[in-house]
Amino acid sequence: MTTLQSFTADRIGGGTNLVPDLAGKVVLAVNVASKCGLTPQYAGLEKLYEELKGAGLVVVGFPCNQFGGQEPSTEQEIVKFCQATYAVKFPLTGKIDVNGSGRHPIYQWLTSEFPGDIEWNFEKFLIGRDGKVKKRYPPATKPDDKGLLQDISDLL
């Protein structure tokens, strides 16, 4: 059976594969964008990460420009924006596609486990410590959503 550990995802800016650092962790994978109405979710995602990283949660942002061109920035600009505006410390990958023929292999896997194209920016997938996808959440699901928090708690 395929797990998250079967894939690679380079850190933003051409860095090394971050997937090995996720082994044994609960992962919230989120496709992100800097110029979206949902962009303020970065603040909640960072808060969630800071509060629960010690318990084993990692939020991973996957920048994507497939929805209304809302992530047109370079990777360097994305990092600067995220740090300056939302003090983001959770890991970000390089820019990827989450839909279509160029869909990143991680998103091919995520959407095969929970079928359907990604609807918009800030769609979320919860992955357990075993590396298997547990749940999918629509973009409007905020990081402080009670159901999401309960699901995370159940896996921690």
N, C-alpha and C. Protein backbone atom coordinates (compact mmCIF):
# COMPACT_ATOMS: atom_id res chain seq x y z
N MET A 1 0.84 -1.19 0.00
CA MET A 1 0.00 0.00 0.00
C MET A 1 0.89 1.25 0.00
N THR A 2 0.48 2.22 -0.78
CA THR A 2 1.23 3.46 -0.90
C THR A 2 1.04 4.34 0.33
N THR A 3 2.13 4.93 0.78
CA THR A 3 2.08 5.88 1.90
C THR A 3 2.83 7.14 1.50
N LEU A 4 2.71 8.16 2.33
CA LEU A 4 3.39 9.42 2.08
C LEU A 4 4.89 9.21 1.87
N GLN A 5 5.46 8.27 2.58
CA GLN A 5 6.91 8.02 2.50
C GLN A 5 7.35 7.50 1.13
N SER A 6 6.38 7.17 0.26
CA SER A 6 6.70 6.69 -1.09
C SER A 6 7.06 7.83 -2.04
N PHE A 7 6.92 9.08 -1.59
CA PHE A 7 7.04 10.24 -2.47
C PHE A 7 8.19 11.15 -2.06
N THR A 8 8.46 12.12 -2.94
CA THR A 8 9.40 13.18 -2.61
C THR A 8 8.70 14.52 -2.84
N ALA A 9 9.10 15.49 -2.08
CA ALA A 9 8.61 16.86 -2.24
C ALA A 9 9.73 17.78 -1.78
N ASP A 10 10.29 18.51 -2.72
CA ASP A 10 11.40 19.39 -2.39
C ASP A 10 10.93 20.63 -1.64
N ARG A 11 11.73 21.03 -0.69
CA ARG A 11 11.47 22.26 0.05
C ARG A 11 11.50 23.44 -0.91
N ILE A 12 10.75 24.46 -0.58
CA ILE A 12 10.69 25.65 -1.42
C ILE A 12 12.09 26.23 -1.61
N GLY A 13 12.33 26.73 -2.79
CA GLY A 13 13.62 27.31 -3.10
C GLY A 13 14.65 26.29 -3.56
N GLY A 14 14.18 25.09 -3.91
CA GLY A 14 15.09 24.07 -4.42
C GLY A 14 15.79 23.27 -3.34
N GLY A 15 15.24 23.28 -2.17
CA GLY A 15 15.85 22.54 -1.06
C GLY A 15 15.67 21.04 -1.19
N THR A 16 16.10 20.33 -0.18
CA THR A 16 16.05 18.87 -0.17
C THR A 16 14.64 18.36 0.04
N ASN A 17 14.46 17.08 -0.21
CA ASN A 17 13.19 16.39 -0.02
C ASN A 17 12.79 16.48 1.46
N LEU A 18 11.59 17.01 1.73
CA LEU A 18 11.15 17.14 3.12
C LEU A 18 10.38 15.92 3.62
N VAL A 19 10.02 15.00 2.74
CA VAL A 19 9.19 13.85 3.15
C VAL A 19 9.84 13.00 4.24
N PRO A 20 11.15 12.72 4.20
CA PRO A 20 11.73 11.93 5.28
C PRO A 20 11.50 12.53 6.67
N ASP A 21 11.42 13.86 6.76
CA ASP A 21 11.18 14.53 8.04
C ASP A 21 9.75 14.33 8.54
N LEU A 22 8.88 13.79 7.69
CA LEU A 22 7.47 13.63 8.06
C LEU A 22 7.16 12.23 8.58
N ALA A 23 8.12 11.34 8.53
CA ALA A 23 7.91 9.96 8.99
C ALA A 23 7.46 9.95 10.44
N GLY A 24 6.39 9.21 10.71
CA GLY A 24 5.88 9.08 12.07
C GLY A 24 5.12 10.29 12.59
N LYS A 25 4.89 11.27 11.74
CA LYS A 25 4.17 12.49 12.13
C LYS A 25 2.74 12.45 11.58
N VAL A 26 1.87 13.23 12.16
CA VAL A 26 0.55 13.53 11.59
C VAL A 26 0.77 14.75 10.72
N VAL A 27 0.32 14.65 9.47
CA VAL A 27 0.58 15.71 8.49
C VAL A 27 -0.73 16.31 8.00
N LEU A 28 -0.80 17.62 7.99
CA LEU A 28 -1.90 18.34 7.36
C LEU A 28 -1.32 18.96 6.10
N ALA A 29 -1.67 18.40 4.94
CA ALA A 29 -1.18 18.88 3.64
C ALA A 29 -2.20 19.88 3.09
N VAL A 30 -1.72 21.06 2.70
CA VAL A 30 -2.59 22.15 2.25
C VAL A 30 -2.01 22.79 1.01
N ASN A 31 -2.81 22.90 -0.07
CA ASN A 31 -2.34 23.68 -1.23
C ASN A 31 -2.63 25.14 -0.92
N VAL A 32 -1.61 25.97 -1.01
CA VAL A 32 -1.68 27.35 -0.55
C VAL A 32 -1.44 28.35 -1.67
N ALA A 33 -1.88 29.58 -1.44
CA ALA A 33 -1.67 30.68 -2.38
C ALA A 33 -1.66 31.99 -1.61
N SER A 34 -0.88 32.95 -2.10
CA SER A 34 -0.67 34.22 -1.40
C SER A 34 -1.67 35.32 -1.71
N LYS A 35 -2.43 35.16 -2.78
CA LYS A 35 -3.32 36.25 -3.20
C LYS A 35 -4.77 35.76 -3.32
N CYS A 36 -5.18 34.98 -2.37
CA CYS A 36 -6.51 34.36 -2.35
C CYS A 36 -7.31 34.93 -1.19
N GLY A 37 -8.62 34.92 -1.31
CA GLY A 37 -9.46 35.34 -0.20
C GLY A 37 -9.27 34.46 1.03
N LEU A 38 -8.76 33.23 0.82
CA LEU A 38 -8.53 32.31 1.94
C LEU A 38 -7.11 32.41 2.49
N THR A 39 -6.28 33.26 1.92
CA THR A 39 -4.88 33.39 2.35
C THR A 39 -4.74 33.65 3.85
N PRO A 40 -5.65 34.37 4.50
CA PRO A 40 -5.51 34.55 5.95
C PRO A 40 -5.50 33.23 6.74
N GLN A 41 -5.87 32.12 6.10
CA GLN A 41 -5.76 30.83 6.78
C GLN A 41 -4.31 30.51 7.15
N TYR A 42 -3.35 31.13 6.47
CA TYR A 42 -1.94 30.94 6.85
C TYR A 42 -1.75 31.19 8.35
N ALA A 43 -2.39 32.22 8.88
CA ALA A 43 -2.24 32.54 10.31
C ALA A 43 -2.72 31.39 11.18
N GLY A 44 -3.87 30.85 10.86
CA GLY A 44 -4.41 29.74 11.63
C GLY A 44 -3.60 28.46 11.46
N LEU A 45 -3.10 28.24 10.25
CA LEU A 45 -2.27 27.06 10.02
C LEU A 45 -0.97 27.15 10.82
N GLU A 46 -0.37 28.34 10.86
CA GLU A 46 0.85 28.52 11.64
C GLU A 46 0.57 28.34 13.14
N LYS A 47 -0.54 28.87 13.61
CA LYS A 47 -0.91 28.72 15.03
C LYS A 47 -1.10 27.24 15.37
N LEU A 48 -1.79 26.52 14.51
CA LEU A 48 -2.02 25.09 14.71
C LEU A 48 -0.68 24.35 14.74
N TYR A 49 0.19 24.67 13.82
CA TYR A 49 1.51 24.05 13.76
C TYR A 49 2.30 24.33 15.03
N GLU A 50 2.35 25.58 15.44
CA GLU A 50 3.12 25.95 16.63
C GLU A 50 2.58 25.26 17.89
N GLU A 51 1.24 25.16 17.98
CA GLU A 51 0.63 24.56 19.18
C GLU A 51 0.81 23.05 19.24
N LEU A 52 0.86 22.39 18.08
CA LEU A 52 0.82 20.92 18.08
C LEU A 52 2.06 20.24 17.52
N LYS A 53 3.05 21.01 17.09
CA LYS A 53 4.24 20.36 16.52
C LYS A 53 4.94 19.50 17.56
N GLY A 54 4.93 19.91 18.79
CA GLY A 54 5.55 19.12 19.85
C GLY A 54 4.86 17.78 20.07
N ALA A 55 3.58 17.71 19.72
CA ALA A 55 2.82 16.46 19.85
C ALA A 55 2.94 15.60 18.59
N GLY A 56 3.56 16.16 17.53
CA GLY A 56 3.77 15.36 16.33
C GLY A 56 3.02 15.81 15.09
N LEU A 57 2.43 17.00 15.09
CA LEU A 57 1.75 17.51 13.89
C LEU A 57 2.70 18.34 13.05
N VAL A 58 2.66 18.14 11.74
CA VAL A 58 3.38 19.00 10.80
C VAL A 58 2.38 19.48 9.76
N VAL A 59 2.29 20.78 9.59
CA VAL A 59 1.54 21.38 8.49
C VAL A 59 2.52 21.53 7.34
N VAL A 60 2.11 21.13 6.14
CA VAL A 60 2.95 21.30 4.96
C VAL A 60 2.15 22.08 3.92
N GLY A 61 2.70 23.21 3.50
CA GLY A 61 2.07 24.03 2.47
C GLY A 61 2.65 23.71 1.10
N PHE A 62 1.75 23.51 0.13
CA PHE A 62 2.13 23.23 -1.25
C PHE A 62 1.67 24.40 -2.11
N PRO A 63 2.51 25.41 -2.35
CA PRO A 63 2.11 26.54 -3.18
C PRO A 63 1.69 26.10 -4.59
N CYS A 64 0.59 26.69 -5.05
CA CYS A 64 0.03 26.32 -6.35
C CYS A 64 -0.60 27.54 -7.00
N ASN A 65 -0.40 27.69 -8.30
CA ASN A 65 -0.93 28.84 -9.04
C ASN A 65 -2.05 28.44 -10.00
N GLN A 66 -2.74 27.34 -9.73
CA GLN A 66 -3.76 26.84 -10.66
C GLN A 66 -5.15 27.42 -10.47
N PHE A 67 -5.35 28.21 -9.46
CA PHE A 67 -6.69 28.72 -9.16
C PHE A 67 -6.70 30.23 -9.26
N GLY A 68 -7.14 30.73 -10.39
CA GLY A 68 -7.25 32.17 -10.58
C GLY A 68 -5.91 32.89 -10.59
N GLY A 69 -4.81 32.17 -10.82
CA GLY A 69 -3.50 32.80 -10.83
C GLY A 69 -3.16 33.47 -9.51
N GLN A 70 -3.60 32.86 -8.39
CA GLN A 70 -3.47 33.49 -7.09
C GLN A 70 -2.16 33.19 -6.36
N GLU A 71 -1.24 32.50 -7.06
CA GLU A 71 0.11 32.33 -6.53
C GLU A 71 1.11 32.56 -7.66
N PRO A 72 1.16 33.82 -8.16
CA PRO A 72 2.05 34.12 -9.29
C PRO A 72 3.49 34.38 -8.89
N SER A 73 3.75 34.48 -7.61
CA SER A 73 5.07 34.88 -7.11
C SER A 73 6.12 33.81 -7.34
N THR A 74 7.37 34.25 -7.30
CA THR A 74 8.49 33.31 -7.31
C THR A 74 8.54 32.62 -5.95
N GLU A 75 9.28 31.53 -5.88
CA GLU A 75 9.39 30.84 -4.60
C GLU A 75 10.03 31.73 -3.55
N GLN A 76 11.02 32.51 -3.93
CA GLN A 76 11.65 33.43 -2.98
C GLN A 76 10.63 34.45 -2.46
N GLU A 77 9.79 34.98 -3.35
CA GLU A 77 8.76 35.94 -2.95
C GLU A 77 7.71 35.30 -2.05
N ILE A 78 7.39 34.03 -2.32
CA ILE A 78 6.41 33.31 -1.48
C ILE A 78 6.94 33.20 -0.05
N VAL A 79 8.19 32.79 0.08
CA VAL A 79 8.80 32.65 1.42
C VAL A 79 8.80 34.00 2.14
N LYS A 80 9.22 35.03 1.46
CA LYS A 80 9.26 36.37 2.07
C LYS A 80 7.87 36.81 2.51
N PHE A 81 6.87 36.63 1.65
CA PHE A 81 5.50 37.00 1.99
C PHE A 81 5.00 36.22 3.21
N CYS A 82 5.19 34.91 3.18
CA CYS A 82 4.69 34.06 4.28
C CYS A 82 5.33 34.42 5.61
N GLN A 83 6.63 34.67 5.59
CA GLN A 83 7.32 34.99 6.83
C GLN A 83 6.98 36.39 7.32
N ALA A 84 6.94 37.36 6.40
CA ALA A 84 6.67 38.74 6.80
C ALA A 84 5.23 38.97 7.20
N THR A 85 4.30 38.33 6.52
CA THR A 85 2.87 38.59 6.75
C THR A 85 2.27 37.69 7.82
N TYR A 86 2.67 36.42 7.84
CA TYR A 86 2.04 35.46 8.75
C TYR A 86 3.03 34.72 9.65
N ALA A 87 4.30 35.10 9.62
CA ALA A 87 5.34 34.46 10.45
C ALA A 87 5.35 32.94 10.28
N VAL A 88 5.14 32.48 9.06
CA VAL A 88 5.06 31.05 8.78
C VAL A 88 6.41 30.38 9.01
N LYS A 89 6.37 29.32 9.81
CA LYS A 89 7.55 28.51 10.06
C LYS A 89 7.35 27.07 9.60
N PHE A 90 6.08 26.69 9.33
CA PHE A 90 5.85 25.32 8.87
C PHE A 90 6.44 25.16 7.47
N PRO A 91 6.80 23.93 7.09
CA PRO A 91 7.47 23.73 5.81
C PRO A 91 6.57 24.00 4.60
N LEU A 92 7.20 24.56 3.59
CA LEU A 92 6.58 24.79 2.28
C LEU A 92 7.38 24.03 1.24
N THR A 93 6.68 23.52 0.24
CA THR A 93 7.36 22.87 -0.88
C THR A 93 7.54 23.88 -2.00
N GLY A 94 8.26 23.48 -3.02
CA GLY A 94 8.31 24.28 -4.23
C GLY A 94 6.91 24.33 -4.85
N LYS A 95 6.69 25.28 -5.75
CA LYS A 95 5.39 25.40 -6.42
C LYS A 95 5.10 24.13 -7.22
N ILE A 96 3.84 23.70 -7.14
CA ILE A 96 3.42 22.48 -7.83
C ILE A 96 2.07 22.70 -8.47
N ASP A 97 1.66 21.74 -9.31
CA ASP A 97 0.29 21.64 -9.80
C ASP A 97 -0.41 20.57 -8.98
N VAL A 98 -1.66 20.83 -8.63
CA VAL A 98 -2.44 19.87 -7.85
C VAL A 98 -3.53 19.21 -8.69
N ASN A 99 -3.76 19.71 -9.89
CA ASN A 99 -4.74 19.16 -10.83
C ASN A 99 -4.10 19.03 -12.20
N GLY A 100 -4.74 18.27 -13.06
CA GLY A 100 -4.32 18.20 -14.46
C GLY A 100 -3.17 17.24 -14.72
N SER A 101 -2.69 17.28 -15.96
CA SER A 101 -1.67 16.32 -16.40
C SER A 101 -0.34 16.51 -15.70
N GLY A 102 -0.07 17.71 -15.18
CA GLY A 102 1.17 17.97 -14.45
C GLY A 102 1.04 17.83 -12.95
N ARG A 103 -0.04 17.24 -12.50
CA ARG A 103 -0.31 17.08 -11.07
C ARG A 103 0.88 16.40 -10.38
N HIS A 104 1.32 16.98 -9.28
CA HIS A 104 2.42 16.41 -8.49
C HIS A 104 2.02 15.00 -8.03
N PRO A 105 2.97 14.06 -8.02
CA PRO A 105 2.65 12.70 -7.59
C PRO A 105 1.98 12.61 -6.21
N ILE A 106 2.35 13.47 -5.28
CA ILE A 106 1.68 13.43 -3.97
C ILE A 106 0.19 13.74 -4.13
N TYR A 107 -0.13 14.70 -4.98
CA TYR A 107 -1.54 15.03 -5.19
C TYR A 107 -2.25 14.00 -6.05
N GLN A 108 -1.54 13.28 -6.91
CA GLN A 108 -2.14 12.13 -7.61
C GLN A 108 -2.58 11.10 -6.58
N TRP A 109 -1.70 10.85 -5.61
CA TRP A 109 -2.00 9.89 -4.55
C TRP A 109 -3.13 10.38 -3.65
N LEU A 110 -3.04 11.63 -3.18
CA LEU A 110 -4.07 12.17 -2.29
C LEU A 110 -5.45 12.09 -2.93
N THR A 111 -5.54 12.47 -4.22
CA THR A 111 -6.84 12.49 -4.89
C THR A 111 -7.26 11.11 -5.38
N SER A 112 -6.38 10.13 -5.32
CA SER A 112 -6.81 8.75 -5.60
C SER A 112 -7.40 8.14 -4.34
N GLU A 113 -6.89 8.55 -3.18
CA GLU A 113 -7.42 8.07 -1.91
C GLU A 113 -8.77 8.72 -1.57
N PHE A 114 -8.91 9.98 -1.90
CA PHE A 114 -10.15 10.74 -1.73
C PHE A 114 -10.43 11.42 -3.07
N PRO A 115 -11.13 10.69 -3.98
CA PRO A 115 -11.24 11.11 -5.38
C PRO A 115 -11.87 12.48 -5.60
N GLY A 116 -11.42 13.06 -6.71
CA GLY A 116 -11.93 14.35 -7.16
C GLY A 116 -10.82 15.37 -7.26
N ASP A 117 -10.95 16.25 -8.25
CA ASP A 117 -9.97 17.32 -8.39
C ASP A 117 -10.00 18.23 -7.17
N ILE A 118 -8.90 18.90 -6.95
CA ILE A 118 -8.82 19.91 -5.90
C ILE A 118 -9.71 21.07 -6.33
N GLU A 119 -10.58 21.52 -5.42
CA GLU A 119 -11.56 22.56 -5.74
C GLU A 119 -10.95 23.96 -5.83
N TRP A 120 -10.06 24.28 -4.90
CA TRP A 120 -9.56 25.65 -4.79
C TRP A 120 -8.37 25.63 -3.85
N ASN A 121 -7.79 26.79 -3.65
CA ASN A 121 -6.70 26.95 -2.69
C ASN A 121 -7.17 26.58 -1.28
N PHE A 122 -6.25 26.07 -0.49
CA PHE A 122 -6.43 25.75 0.93
C PHE A 122 -7.32 24.53 1.18
N GLU A 123 -7.40 23.64 0.20
CA GLU A 123 -7.99 22.32 0.45
C GLU A 123 -7.00 21.55 1.31
N LYS A 124 -7.51 20.71 2.20
CA LYS A 124 -6.65 20.06 3.19
C LYS A 124 -6.82 18.55 3.18
N PHE A 125 -5.70 17.86 3.44
CA PHE A 125 -5.70 16.41 3.60
C PHE A 125 -4.98 16.10 4.91
N LEU A 126 -5.57 15.21 5.69
CA LEU A 126 -4.98 14.79 6.95
C LEU A 126 -4.38 13.39 6.75
N ILE A 127 -3.12 13.27 7.10
CA ILE A 127 -2.36 12.02 6.92
C ILE A 127 -1.91 11.56 8.29
N GLY A 128 -2.15 10.29 8.58
CA GLY A 128 -1.80 9.73 9.89
C GLY A 128 -0.32 9.41 10.02
N ARG A 129 0.07 9.05 11.23
CA ARG A 129 1.47 8.69 11.51
C ARG A 129 1.94 7.52 10.67
N ASP A 130 0.98 6.70 10.21
CA ASP A 130 1.30 5.55 9.37
C ASP A 130 1.51 5.94 7.91
N GLY A 131 1.38 7.24 7.60
CA GLY A 131 1.59 7.71 6.24
C GLY A 131 0.40 7.55 5.32
N LYS A 132 -0.74 7.14 5.86
CA LYS A 132 -1.95 6.93 5.05
C LYS A 132 -2.90 8.13 5.18
N VAL A 133 -3.57 8.44 4.08
CA VAL A 133 -4.52 9.56 4.07
C VAL A 133 -5.76 9.17 4.86
N LYS A 134 -6.14 10.04 5.79
CA LYS A 134 -7.28 9.75 6.67
C LYS A 134 -8.53 10.54 6.30
N LYS A 135 -8.36 11.79 5.86
CA LYS A 135 -9.53 12.63 5.62
C LYS A 135 -9.17 13.78 4.69
N ARG A 136 -10.20 14.30 4.01
CA ARG A 136 -10.07 15.45 3.11
C ARG A 136 -11.06 16.51 3.55
N TYR A 137 -10.62 17.77 3.49
CA TYR A 137 -11.44 18.89 3.95
C TYR A 137 -11.53 19.94 2.84
N PRO A 138 -12.70 20.53 2.63
CA PRO A 138 -12.83 21.56 1.61
C PRO A 138 -12.07 22.83 1.98
N PRO A 139 -11.80 23.67 0.97
CA PRO A 139 -10.99 24.88 1.20
C PRO A 139 -11.49 25.80 2.31
N ALA A 140 -12.79 25.92 2.47
CA ALA A 140 -13.33 26.84 3.47
C ALA A 140 -13.17 26.33 4.91
N THR A 141 -12.73 25.08 5.09
CA THR A 141 -12.52 24.56 6.43
C THR A 141 -11.35 25.30 7.06
N LYS A 142 -11.64 26.03 8.11
CA LYS A 142 -10.61 26.83 8.77
C LYS A 142 -9.74 25.95 9.66
N PRO A 143 -8.51 26.37 9.89
CA PRO A 143 -7.60 25.59 10.74
C PRO A 143 -8.11 25.38 12.17
N ASP A 144 -9.02 26.24 12.65
CA ASP A 144 -9.56 26.06 13.99
C ASP A 144 -10.94 25.38 13.99
N ASP A 145 -11.32 24.77 12.87
CA ASP A 145 -12.58 24.04 12.76
C ASP A 145 -12.61 22.91 13.79
N LYS A 146 -13.70 22.81 14.54
CA LYS A 146 -13.78 21.82 15.62
C LYS A 146 -13.62 20.39 15.12
N GLY A 147 -14.22 20.09 13.98
CA GLY A 147 -14.10 18.73 13.42
C GLY A 147 -12.67 18.42 13.02
N LEU A 148 -12.01 19.35 12.37
CA LEU A 148 -10.61 19.18 11.98
C LEU A 148 -9.73 19.00 13.22
N LEU A 149 -9.93 19.85 14.21
CA LEU A 149 -9.13 19.75 15.44
C LEU A 149 -9.35 18.41 16.14
N GLN A 150 -10.59 17.93 16.14
CA GLN A 150 -10.87 16.63 16.76
C GLN A 150 -10.19 15.50 15.99
N ASP A 151 -10.25 15.58 14.66
CA ASP A 151 -9.60 14.56 13.84
C ASP A 151 -8.09 14.54 14.06
N ILE A 152 -7.50 15.71 14.15
CA ILE A 152 -6.06 15.80 14.44
C ILE A 152 -5.76 15.21 15.81
N SER A 153 -6.54 15.60 16.80
CA SER A 153 -6.36 15.10 18.17
C SER A 153 -6.45 13.57 18.22
N ASP A 154 -7.40 13.03 17.48
CA ASP A 154 -7.57 11.56 17.45
C ASP A 154 -6.33 10.86 16.90
N LEU A 155 -5.62 11.51 16.00
CA LEU A 155 -4.44 10.89 15.39
C LEU A 155 -3.16 11.15 16.18
N LEU A 156 -3.16 12.20 17.00
CA LEU A 156 -1.97 12.48 17.80
C LEU A 156 -1.90 11.56 19.01
